PDB file of N, CA and C in Angstrom:
ATOM      1  N   UNK A   1      45.086  39.881  90.957  1.00  0.00           N
ATOM      2  CA  UNK A   1      44.575  38.561  90.665  1.00  0.00           C
ATOM      3  C   UNK A   1      43.451  39.188  90.659  1.00  0.00           C
ATOM      4  N   UNK A   2      42.327  38.536  89.484  1.00  0.00           N
ATOM      5  CA  UNK A   2      40.522  38.101  89.698  1.00  0.00           C
ATOM      6  C   UNK A   2      40.070  36.973  89.558  1.00  0.00           C
ATOM      7  N   UNK A   3      39.349  36.962  90.291  1.00  0.00           N
ATOM      8  CA  UNK A   3      38.092  35.091  89.851  1.00  0.00           C
ATOM      9  C   UNK A   3      37.348  35.485  88.868  1.00  0.00           C
ATOM     10  N   UNK A   4      37.359  34.975  87.497  1.00  0.00           N
ATOM     11  CA  UNK A   4      36.756  34.995  86.525  1.00  0.00           C
ATOM     12  C   UNK A   4      35.974  33.535  86.333  1.00  0.00           C
ATOM     13  N   UNK A   5      34.600  33.736  86.553  1.00  0.00           N
ATOM     14  CA  UNK A   5      33.925  32.567  86.279  1.00  0.00           C
ATOM     15  C   UNK A   5      33.023  32.875  85.105  1.00  0.00           C
ATOM     16  N   UNK A   6      32.631  31.838  84.370  1.00  0.00           N
ATOM     17  CA  UNK A   6      31.945  31.636  83.160  1.00  0.00           C
ATOM     18  C   UNK A   6      30.653  30.625  83.561  1.00  0.00           C
ATOM     19  N   UNK A   7      29.394  31.274  83.051  1.00  0.00           N
ATOM     20  CA  UNK A   7      28.473  30.615  83.307  1.00  0.00           C
ATOM     21  C   UNK A   7      27.410  29.907  81.764  1.00  0.00           C
ATOM     22  N   UNK A   8      26.868  28.915  81.801  1.00  0.00           N
ATOM     23  CA  UNK A   8      26.335  28.295  80.578  1.00  0.00           C
ATOM     24  C   UNK A   8      26.929  28.200  79.242  1.00  0.00           C
ATOM     25  N   UNK A   9      26.557  28.920  78.231  1.00  0.00           N
ATOM     26  CA  UNK A   9      27.770  28.263  76.886  1.00  0.00           C
ATOM     27  C   UNK A   9      28.880  29.290  76.777  1.00  0.00           C
ATOM     28  N   UNK A  10      28.797  30.179  78.051  1.00  0.00           N
ATOM     29  CA  UNK A  10      30.310  31.011  77.764  1.00  0.00           C
ATOM     30  C   UNK A  10      31.360  29.688  78.438  1.00  0.00           C
ATOM     31  N   UNK A  11      31.086  28.837  79.598  1.00  0.00           N
ATOM     32  CA  UNK A  11      31.772  27.689  79.996  1.00  0.00           C
ATOM     33  C   UNK A  11      31.724  26.680  79.481  1.00  0.00           C
ATOM     34  N   UNK A  12      31.177  26.635  78.584  1.00  0.00           N
ATOM     35  CA  UNK A  12      31.215  25.140  77.497  1.00  0.00           C
ATOM     36  C   UNK A  12      32.388  25.576  76.194  1.00  0.00           C
ATOM     37  N   UNK A  13      31.856  27.188  75.462  1.00  0.00           N
ATOM     38  CA  UNK A  13      33.261  27.728  74.750  1.00  0.00           C
ATOM     39  C   UNK A  13      34.583  27.981  75.511  1.00  0.00           C
ATOM     40  N   UNK A  14      34.290  27.932  76.550  1.00  0.00           N
ATOM     41  CA  UNK A  14      36.080  28.504  76.758  1.00  0.00           C
ATOM     42  C   UNK A  14      36.379  26.987  77.682  1.00  0.00           C
ATOM     43  N   UNK A  15      35.346  26.037  77.754  1.00  0.00           N
ATOM     44  CA  UNK A  15      36.167  24.759  78.939  1.00  0.00           C
ATOM     45  C   UNK A  15      36.565  24.947  80.028  1.00  0.00           C
ATOM     46  N   UNK A  16      36.094  26.466  80.520  1.00  0.00           N
ATOM     47  CA  UNK A  16      36.522  26.007  82.123  1.00  0.00           C
ATOM     48  C   UNK A  16      35.025  26.975  83.372  1.00  0.00           C
ATOM     49  N   UNK A  17      35.174  26.130  84.386  1.00  0.00           N
ATOM     50  CA  UNK A  17      33.901  27.313  84.791  1.00  0.00           C
ATOM     51  C   UNK A  17      34.526  28.577  85.687  1.00  0.00           C
ATOM     52  N   UNK A  18      35.668  28.503  85.684  1.00  0.00           N
ATOM     53  CA  UNK A  18      36.424  29.819  86.442  1.00  0.00           C
ATOM     54  C   UNK A  18      37.748  29.998  86.630  1.00  0.00           C
ATOM     55  N   UNK A  19      37.880  30.686  86.447  1.00  0.00           N
ATOM     56  CA  UNK A  19      40.079  30.622  86.711  1.00  0.00           C
ATOM     57  C   UNK A  19      40.228  32.116  87.181  1.00  0.00           C
ATOM     58  N   UNK A  20      41.747  32.067  88.109  1.00  0.00           N
ATOM     59  CA  UNK A  20      42.080  33.347  88.626  1.00  0.00           C
ATOM     60  C   UNK A  20      43.333  34.120  87.299  1.00  0.00           C
ATOM     61  N   UNK A  21      42.815  35.055  87.170  1.00  0.00           N
ATOM     62  CA  UNK A  21      43.450  36.315  86.170  1.00  0.00           C
ATOM     63  C   UNK A  21      43.923  37.460  86.844  1.00  0.00           C
ATOM     64  N   UNK A  22      45.687  37.366  85.935  1.00  0.00           N
ATOM     65  CA  UNK A  22      46.508  38.380  86.782  1.00  0.00           C
ATOM     66  C   UNK A  22      46.246  39.409  85.510  1.00  0.00           C
ATOM     67  N   UNK A  23      45.388  40.439  85.850  1.00  0.00           N
ATOM     68  CA  UNK A  23      45.070  41.613  84.683  1.00  0.00           C
ATOM     69  C   UNK A  23      45.374  43.033  85.179  1.00  0.00           C
ATOM     70  N   UNK A  24      45.807  43.656  84.258  1.00  0.00           N
ATOM     71  CA  UNK A  24      46.057  45.409  84.114  1.00  0.00           C
ATOM     72  C   UNK A  24      44.658  46.300  83.827  1.00  0.00           C
ATOM     73  N   UNK A  25      43.838  45.406  83.560  1.00  0.00           N
ATOM     74  CA  UNK A  25      42.849  45.754  82.874  1.00  0.00           C
ATOM     75  C   UNK A  25      42.211  46.743  84.095  1.00  0.00           C
ATOM     76  N   UNK A  26      41.598  48.162  83.479  1.00  0.00           N
ATOM     77  CA  UNK A  26      40.735  49.205  83.641  1.00  0.00           C
ATOM     78  C   UNK A  26      39.263  48.832  83.965  1.00  0.00           C
ATOM     79  N   UNK A  27      39.034  48.118  82.952  1.00  0.00           N
ATOM     80  CA  UNK A  27      37.302  48.175  82.676  1.00  0.00           C
ATOM     81  C   UNK A  27      37.061  46.559  82.588  1.00  0.00           C
ATOM     82  N   UNK A  28      36.015  46.033  82.863  1.00  0.00           N
ATOM     83  CA  UNK A  28      35.212  44.983  82.002  1.00  0.00           C
ATOM     84  C   UNK A  28      35.720  44.607  80.924  1.00  0.00           C
ATOM     85  N   UNK A  29      35.208  45.792  80.125  1.00  0.00           N
ATOM     86  CA  UNK A  29      35.476  45.882  78.332  1.00  0.00           C
ATOM     87  C   UNK A  29      37.344  45.947  78.428  1.00  0.00           C
ATOM     88  N   UNK A  30      38.009  45.881  79.052  1.00  0.00           N
ATOM     89  CA  UNK A  30      39.742  46.035  78.722  1.00  0.00           C
ATOM     90  C   UNK A  30      39.594  44.320  79.188  1.00  0.00           C
ATOM     91  N   UNK A  31      39.710  44.044  80.145  1.00  0.00           N
ATOM     92  CA  UNK A  31      39.598  42.880  80.509  1.00  0.00           C
ATOM     93  C   UNK A  31      38.972  41.868  79.350  1.00  0.00           C
ATOM     94  N   UNK A  32      38.398  41.866  78.633  1.00  0.00           N
ATOM     95  CA  UNK A  32      37.220  41.024  77.612  1.00  0.00           C
ATOM     96  C   UNK A  32      38.635  41.188  76.320  1.00  0.00           C
ATOM     97  N   UNK A  33      39.125  42.053  76.345  1.00  0.00           N
ATOM     98  CA  UNK A  33      40.087  42.094  75.091  1.00  0.00           C
ATOM     99  C   UNK A  33      41.351  41.615  75.362  1.00  0.00           C
ATOM    100  N   UNK A  34      41.691  41.359  76.623  1.00  0.00           N
ATOM    101  CA  UNK A  34      43.113  40.479  76.835  1.00  0.00           C
ATOM    102  C   UNK A  34      42.376  38.997  77.233  1.00  0.00           C
ATOM    103  N   UNK A  35      41.330  38.761  77.310  1.00  0.00           N
ATOM    104  CA  UNK A  35      40.690  37.652  77.542  1.00  0.00           C
ATOM    105  C   UNK A  35      40.764  36.896  75.949  1.00  0.00           C
ATOM    106  N   UNK A  36      40.447  37.717  74.639  1.00  0.00           N
ATOM    107  CA  UNK A  36      39.982  37.044  73.395  1.00  0.00           C
ATOM    108  C   UNK A  36      41.488  37.148  72.760  1.00  0.00           C
ATOM    109  N   UNK A  37      42.536  37.934  73.464  1.00  0.00           N
ATOM    110  CA  UNK A  37      43.735  37.379  72.852  1.00  0.00           C
ATOM    111  C   UNK A  37      44.577  36.735  73.022  1.00  0.00           C
ATOM    112  N   UNK A  38      44.053  35.854  74.103  1.00  0.00           N
ATOM    113  CA  UNK A  38      44.354  34.456  74.674  1.00  0.00           C
ATOM    114  C   UNK A  38      44.498  33.219  73.878  1.00  0.00           C
ATOM    115  N   UNK A  39      43.306  33.048  73.287  1.00  0.00           N
ATOM    116  CA  UNK A  39      43.097  32.398  72.578  1.00  0.00           C
ATOM    117  C   UNK A  39      41.881  31.729  71.545  1.00  0.00           C
ATOM    118  N   UNK A  40      41.758  31.023  70.480  1.00  0.00           N
ATOM    119  CA  UNK A  40      40.388  30.972  69.858  1.00  0.00           C
ATOM    120  C   UNK A  40      39.316  30.929  70.616  1.00  0.00           C
ATOM    121  N   UNK A  41      39.577  30.007  71.785  1.00  0.00           N
ATOM    122  CA  UNK A  41      38.095  29.529  72.335  1.00  0.00           C
ATOM    123  C   UNK A  41      37.834  30.875  72.895  1.00  0.00           C
ATOM    124  N   UNK A  42      38.340  32.024  73.486  1.00  0.00           N
ATOM    125  CA  UNK A  42      37.927  33.069  73.962  1.00  0.00           C
ATOM    126  C   UNK A  42      37.424  34.032  73.060  1.00  0.00           C
ATOM    127  N   UNK A  43      38.106  34.362  71.974  1.00  0.00           N
ATOM    128  CA  UNK A  43      37.655  34.947  71.046  1.00  0.00           C
ATOM    129  C   UNK A  43      35.898  34.691  70.804  1.00  0.00           C
ATOM    130  N   UNK A  44      35.819  33.616  70.724  1.00  0.00           N
ATOM    131  CA  UNK A  44      34.465  32.692  70.090  1.00  0.00           C
ATOM    132  C   UNK A  44      33.228  33.105  71.425  1.00  0.00           C
ATOM    133  N   UNK A  45      33.861  32.821  72.531  1.00  0.00           N
ATOM    134  CA  UNK A  45      33.104  32.934  73.753  1.00  0.00           C
ATOM    135  C   UNK A  45      32.361  34.689  73.524  1.00  0.00           C
ATOM    136  N   UNK A  46      33.541  35.539  73.608  1.00  0.00           N
ATOM    137  CA  UNK A  46      32.956  36.875  73.605  1.00  0.00           C
ATOM    138  C   UNK A  46      33.646  37.585  72.148  1.00  0.00           C
ATOM    139  N   UNK A  47      32.197  36.740  71.312  1.00  0.00           N
ATOM    140  CA  UNK A  47      32.607  37.398  70.173  1.00  0.00           C
ATOM    141  C   UNK A  47      31.075  38.403  69.967  1.00  0.00           C
ATOM    142  N   UNK A  48      30.259  38.121  70.581  1.00  0.00           N
ATOM    143  CA  UNK A  48      29.027  38.710  70.565  1.00  0.00           C
ATOM    144  C   UNK A  48      28.592  39.432  71.645  1.00  0.00           C
ATOM    145  N   UNK A  49      29.032  40.634  72.343  1.00  0.00           N
ATOM    146  CA  UNK A  49      28.871  40.947  73.470  1.00  0.00           C
ATOM    147  C   UNK A  49      27.234  41.339  73.578  1.00  0.00           C
ATOM    148  N   UNK A  50      26.712  41.399  73.097  1.00  0.00           N
ATOM    149  CA  UNK A  50      25.032  42.088  72.971  1.00  0.00           C
ATOM    150  C   UNK A  50      24.439  40.278  73.768  1.00  0.00           C
ATOM    151  N   UNK A  51      25.027  38.835  73.216  1.00  0.00           N
ATOM    152  CA  UNK A  51      24.422  38.228  73.881  1.00  0.00           C
ATOM    153  C   UNK A  51      24.833  37.796  75.480  1.00  0.00           C
ATOM    154  N   UNK A  52      25.761  38.536  76.047  1.00  0.00           N
ATOM    155  CA  UNK A  52      26.657  38.387  77.300  1.00  0.00           C
ATOM    156  C   UNK A  52      26.286  39.692  78.790  1.00  0.00           C
ATOM    157  N   UNK A  53      26.107  39.197  79.598  1.00  0.00           N
ATOM    158  CA  UNK A  53      26.044  39.827  80.806  1.00  0.00           C
ATOM    159  C   UNK A  53      27.485  39.607  81.716  1.00  0.00           C
ATOM    160  N   UNK A  54      27.890  41.228  82.607  1.00  0.00           N
ATOM    161  CA  UNK A  54      28.740  40.451  83.544  1.00  0.00           C
ATOM    162  C   UNK A  54      28.374  40.844  84.869  1.00  0.00           C
ATOM    163  N   UNK A  55      28.676  40.226  85.921  1.00  0.00           N
ATOM    164  CA  UNK A  55      28.474  40.585  87.301  1.00  0.00           C
ATOM    165  C   UNK A  55      29.866  41.290  87.683  1.00  0.00           C
ATOM    166  N   UNK A  56      30.130  42.090  88.355  1.00  0.00           N
ATOM    167  CA  UNK A  56      31.191  42.213  89.486  1.00  0.00           C
ATOM    168  C   UNK A  56      30.713  42.136  90.599  1.00  0.00           C
ATOM    169  N   UNK A  57      31.398  40.712  91.596  1.00  0.00           N
ATOM    170  CA  UNK A  57      31.123  40.901  92.267  1.00  0.00           C
ATOM    171  C   UNK A  57      29.579  40.408  93.180  1.00  0.00           C
ATOM    172  N   UNK A  58      29.102  39.582  92.031  1.00  0.00           N
ATOM    173  CA  UNK A  58      27.591  39.511  92.460  1.00  0.00           C
ATOM    174  C   UNK A  58      26.747  40.754  91.623  1.00  0.00           C
ATOM    175  N   UNK A  59      27.126  41.684  91.529  1.00  0.00           N
ATOM    176  CA  UNK A  59      25.989  42.577  91.265  1.00  0.00           C
ATOM    177  C   UNK A  59      26.061  42.782  89.644  1.00  0.00           C
ATOM    178  N   UNK A  60      25.045  43.091  89.232  1.00  0.00           N
ATOM    179  CA  UNK A  60      24.644  42.856  87.428  1.00  0.00           C
ATOM    180  C   UNK A  60      25.120  44.296  87.429  1.00  0.00           C
ATOM    181  N   UNK A  61      26.307  44.308  86.232  1.00  0.00           N
ATOM    182  CA  UNK A  61      27.422  45.857  85.842  1.00  0.00           C
ATOM    183  C   UNK A  61      27.127  45.713  84.520  1.00  0.00           C
ATOM    184  N   UNK A  62      28.010  46.944  84.281  1.00  0.00           N
ATOM    185  CA  UNK A  62      28.510  47.019  82.126  1.00  0.00           C
ATOM    186  C   UNK A  62      29.447  46.682  82.094  1.00  0.00           C
ATOM    187  N   UNK A  63      29.780  46.328  80.913  1.00  0.00           N
ATOM    188  CA  UNK A  63      30.672  46.222  80.191  1.00  0.00           C
ATOM    189  C   UNK A  63      31.768  47.345  80.255  1.00  0.00           C
ATOM    190  N   UNK A  64      31.643  48.818  80.690  1.00  0.00           N
ATOM    191  CA  UNK A  64      32.518  49.945  80.701  1.00  0.00           C
ATOM    192  C   UNK A  64      32.750  50.234  82.059  1.00  0.00           C
ATOM    193  N   UNK A  65      32.219  49.044  83.467  1.00  0.00           N
ATOM    194  CA  UNK A  65      32.671  49.271  84.532  1.00  0.00           C
ATOM    195  C   UNK A  65      34.162  49.249  84.851  1.00  0.00           C
ATOM    196  N   UNK A  66      34.187  50.170  86.097  1.00  0.00           N
ATOM    197  CA  UNK A  66      35.632  49.777  86.203  1.00  0.00           C
ATOM    198  C   UNK A  66      36.085  49.099  86.671  1.00  0.00           C
ATOM    199  N   UNK A  67      37.322  48.192  87.178  1.00  0.00           N
ATOM    200  CA  UNK A  67      37.790  46.933  88.069  1.00  0.00           C
ATOM    201  C   UNK A  67      38.426  47.123  89.418  1.00  0.00           C
ATOM    202  N   UNK A  68      38.547  48.257  89.618  1.00  0.00           N
ATOM    203  CA  UNK A  68      39.452  48.721  90.328  1.00  0.00           C
ATOM    204  C   UNK A  68      38.619  47.972  92.380  1.00  0.00           C
ATOM    205  N   UNK A  69      39.429  47.256  92.868  1.00  0.00           N
ATOM    206  CA  UNK A  69      38.751  46.414  93.720  1.00  0.00           C
ATOM    207  C   UNK A  69      37.925  45.217  93.749  1.00  0.00           C
ATOM    208  N   UNK A  70      37.390  45.222  92.438  1.00  0.00           N
ATOM    209  CA  UNK A  70      36.756  43.778  92.086  1.00  0.00           C
ATOM    210  C   UNK A  70      37.357  42.842  92.359  1.00  0.00           C
ATOM    211  N   UNK A  71      36.396  41.697  93.176  1.00  0.00           N
ATOM    212  CA  UNK A  71      37.336  40.489  93.621  1.00  0.00           C
ATOM    213  C   UNK A  71      36.961  39.088  92.547  1.00  0.00           C
ATOM    214  N   UNK A  72      35.838  39.366  91.889  1.00  0.00           N
ATOM    215  CA  UNK A  72      35.007  38.328  90.976  1.00  0.00           C
ATOM    216  C   UNK A  72      34.280  39.261  89.975  1.00  0.00           C
ATOM    217  N   UNK A  73      34.538  38.343  88.956  1.00  0.00           N
ATOM    218  CA  UNK A  73      33.808  38.902  87.583  1.00  0.00           C
ATOM    219  C   UNK A  73      33.020  37.863  86.827  1.00  0.00           C
ATOM    220  N   UNK A  74      31.880  38.059  86.624  1.00  0.00           N
ATOM    221  CA  UNK A  74      31.116  36.531  85.970  1.00  0.00           C
ATOM    222  C   UNK A  74      30.833  37.252  84.731  1.00  0.00           C
ATOM    223  N   UNK A  75      30.679  36.485  83.639  1.00  0.00           N
ATOM    224  CA  UNK A  75      30.018  36.450  82.622  1.00  0.00           C
ATOM    225  C   UNK A  75      29.127  35.586  82.301  1.00  0.00           C
ATOM    226  N   UNK A  76      28.110  35.660  81.824  1.00  0.00           N
ATOM    227  CA  UNK A  76      26.749  34.786  81.571  1.00  0.00           C
ATOM    228  C   UNK A  76      25.958  35.244  80.431  1.00  0.00           C
ATOM    229  N   UNK A  77      25.127  34.401  79.987  1.00  0.00           N
ATOM    230  CA  UNK A  77      24.326  34.849  79.006  1.00  0.00           C
ATOM    231  C   UNK A  77      22.623  35.284  79.712  1.00  0.00           C
ATOM    232  N   UNK A  78      22.248  36.298  78.800  1.00  0.00           N
ATOM    233  CA  UNK A  78      20.866  37.108  79.476  1.00  0.00           C
ATOM    234  C   UNK A  78      20.092  36.055  79.572  1.00  0.00           C
ATOM    235  N   UNK A  79      19.402  36.189  81.242  1.00  0.00           N
ATOM    236  CA  UNK A  79      18.282  35.252  81.434  1.00  0.00           C
ATOM    237  C   UNK A  79      16.935  35.573  80.980  1.00  0.00           C
ATOM    238  N   UNK A  80      16.346  34.841  81.192  1.00  0.00           N
ATOM    239  CA  UNK A  80      14.787  34.672  80.497  1.00  0.00           C
ATOM    240  C   UNK A  80      13.691  34.073  81.788  1.00  0.00           C
ATOM    241  N   UNK A  81      12.764  34.328  81.602  1.00  0.00           N
ATOM    242  CA  UNK A  81      12.065  33.604  82.866  1.00  0.00           C
ATOM    243  C   UNK A  81      10.706  33.719  82.179  1.00  0.00           C
ATOM    244  N   UNK A  82       9.951  33.089  82.994  1.00  0.00           N
ATOM    245  CA  UNK A  82       8.740  33.103  82.163  1.00  0.00           C
ATOM    246  C   UNK A  82       7.601  32.707  83.410  1.00  0.00           C
TER     247      UNK A  82
END
């Protein structure tokens, strides 16, 4: 089981701030494939990966990162500063 967190417009599209997911995914990209297959709202949230970032256990990561040993995955839009 992995805790999956959704922030900003990702949370709005999916309709949940977080959920516990049982997965056999080896990488973040594999997890996204599993999530997109669930319902149209997930498909919409993950339609454009260029507009998403991911953190594993609160550290910025990549979509090809392995999930072995990961407890938390967070998806969020890129942040801008000023």
